[in-house]
Amino acid sequence: MSDQYGTYGDVVLYYDSGSAWNCAVLVKRSSFVFYGMATNMYITMNNSAYDDNHTKNNFDSDSGMYKYYAGPVRVYGKNMCIWIKGGIADISGPNADYWNYIVRDVTQVACG
């Protein structure tokens, strides 16, 4: 995730071909000024079946005040595309604004 202040973090995606599950985390980069300090972060992931079937296997999310990463989140992915969205707040502390995120949409990360 990048903005005018530099690079904040990365989405890391894992896939288990044996079980067909996708797993992802949003990790702060060590160069981010708030690395190691709690900031609001979130990550969501869904598969292409989510629009028709809103079950846990098709959608997962995690959010909160984290020092290093948000997640993991996981969805089933056999013969489906997945979407990931994440955000990292660029402010720390108890008054951090939940809406003050640097957001990145990653569309159709993996299709298979």
Protein backbone atom coordinates (compact mmCIF):
# COMPACT_ATOMS: atom_id res chain seq x y z
CA MET A 1 0.00 0.00 0.00
CA SER A 2 1.47 3.27 -1.03
CA ASP A 3 0.52 6.90 -0.73
CA GLN A 4 2.29 10.27 -0.75
CA TYR A 5 4.03 9.45 2.55
CA GLY A 6 5.62 6.23 1.38
CA THR A 7 4.88 2.53 1.50
CA TYR A 8 2.85 1.21 4.45
CA GLY A 9 2.39 -2.51 3.96
CA ASP A 10 1.76 -5.55 1.81
CA VAL A 11 -0.97 -8.13 1.35
CA VAL A 12 0.50 -11.63 1.58
CA LEU A 13 -1.62 -14.38 0.01
CA TYR A 14 -1.23 -18.11 0.57
CA TYR A 15 -3.00 -20.95 -1.24
CA ASP A 16 -3.18 -24.60 -0.21
CA SER A 17 -3.77 -26.64 -3.37
CA GLY A 18 -4.59 -29.74 -1.33
CA SER A 19 -7.51 -28.13 0.52
CA ALA A 20 -8.27 -25.28 -1.96
CA TRP A 21 -8.26 -22.67 0.83
CA ASN A 22 -6.82 -19.16 0.39
CA CYS A 23 -5.37 -17.31 3.38
CA ALA A 24 -4.17 -13.70 3.52
CA VAL A 25 -2.65 -11.19 5.95
CA LEU A 26 -1.97 -7.47 5.67
CA VAL A 27 1.54 -6.82 7.00
CA LYS A 28 3.03 -3.43 7.88
CA ARG A 29 6.41 -2.73 6.32
CA SER A 30 9.26 -2.16 8.78
CA SER A 31 9.95 1.19 7.07
CA PHE A 32 6.44 2.47 7.97
CA VAL A 33 6.66 5.17 10.65
CA PHE A 34 4.06 3.36 12.80
CA TYR A 35 5.62 -0.11 12.48
CA GLY A 36 5.47 -1.74 15.92
CA MET A 37 2.83 0.75 17.12
CA ALA A 38 -0.87 -0.09 17.24
CA THR A 39 -2.83 1.48 14.38
CA ASN A 40 -6.24 0.64 12.97
CA MET A 41 -5.93 -2.02 10.27
CA TYR A 42 -8.37 -4.20 8.39
CA ILE A 43 -8.40 -6.91 5.73
CA THR A 44 -11.35 -8.55 3.99
CA MET A 45 -11.40 -11.39 1.50
CA ASN A 46 -14.23 -12.99 -0.46
CA ASN A 47 -14.58 -15.45 -3.30
CA SER A 48 -16.73 -15.31 -6.43
CA ALA A 49 -19.52 -17.33 -4.76
CA TYR A 50 -20.07 -14.65 -2.08
CA ASP A 51 -22.68 -12.64 -4.02
CA ASP A 52 -24.98 -15.67 -4.14
CA ASN A 53 -24.05 -17.39 -0.87
CA HIS A 54 -23.11 -15.26 2.15
CA THR A 55 -21.52 -18.01 4.25
CA LYS A 56 -18.31 -18.09 6.26
CA ASN A 57 -16.53 -20.17 3.60
CA ASN A 58 -17.05 -17.34 1.07
CA PHE A 59 -16.12 -14.27 3.16
CA ASP A 60 -13.80 -13.42 6.04
CA SER A 61 -12.54 -10.21 7.65
CA ASP A 62 -10.37 -8.96 10.47
CA SER A 63 -9.98 -5.47 11.92
CA GLY A 64 -8.60 -3.80 15.01
CA MET A 65 -5.60 -2.00 16.48
CA TYR A 66 -2.52 -3.98 15.42
CA LYS A 67 1.23 -3.43 15.69
CA TYR A 68 2.37 -5.64 12.81
CA TYR A 69 -0.42 -7.30 10.81
CA ALA A 70 -4.16 -7.82 10.35
CA GLY A 71 -5.50 -11.29 9.64
CA PRO A 72 -5.25 -14.03 8.81
CA VAL A 73 -8.46 -14.25 6.81
CA ARG A 74 -9.40 -17.27 4.72
CA VAL A 75 -11.92 -18.34 2.09
CA TYR A 76 -12.47 -21.44 0.00
CA GLY A 77 -11.15 -21.01 -3.54
CA LYS A 78 -11.47 -24.08 -5.78
CA ASN A 79 -12.50 -22.94 -9.30
CA MET A 80 -13.19 -19.39 -8.03
CA CYS A 81 -11.68 -15.92 -8.11
CA ILE A 82 -10.97 -14.13 -4.85
CA TRP A 83 -10.94 -10.44 -3.92
CA ILE A 84 -8.97 -8.80 -1.12
CA LYS A 85 -9.34 -5.32 0.36
CA GLY A 86 -7.22 -3.90 3.14
CA GLY A 87 -6.40 -0.69 4.93
CA ILE A 88 -3.82 0.72 7.33
CA ALA A 89 -4.48 3.91 9.30
CA ASP A 90 -1.76 6.52 9.00
CA ILE A 91 -2.20 7.63 12.61
CA SER A 92 -1.61 5.86 15.92
CA GLY A 93 -3.10 6.09 19.39
CA PRO A 94 -6.49 5.88 21.08
CA ASN A 95 -7.95 8.73 19.00
CA ALA A 96 -7.01 7.18 15.66
CA ASP A 97 -9.81 7.70 13.14
CA TYR A 98 -11.25 4.45 11.76
CA TRP A 99 -12.00 6.23 8.48
CA ASN A 100 -8.48 7.61 7.99
CA TYR A 101 -7.09 4.63 6.08
CA ILE A 102 -4.81 4.18 3.14
CA VAL A 103 -6.90 1.64 1.22
CA ARG A 104 -6.00 -0.71 -1.59
CA ASP A 105 -8.34 -2.97 -3.51
CA VAL A 106 -6.79 -6.09 -4.99
CA THR A 107 -9.23 -7.53 -7.52
CA GLN A 108 -9.27 -11.14 -8.70
CA VAL A 109 -6.02 -11.97 -6.93
CA ALA A 110 -6.25 -15.62 -7.85
CA CYS A 111 -8.58 -17.37 -10.23
CA GLY A 112 -8.52 -21.11 -10.53
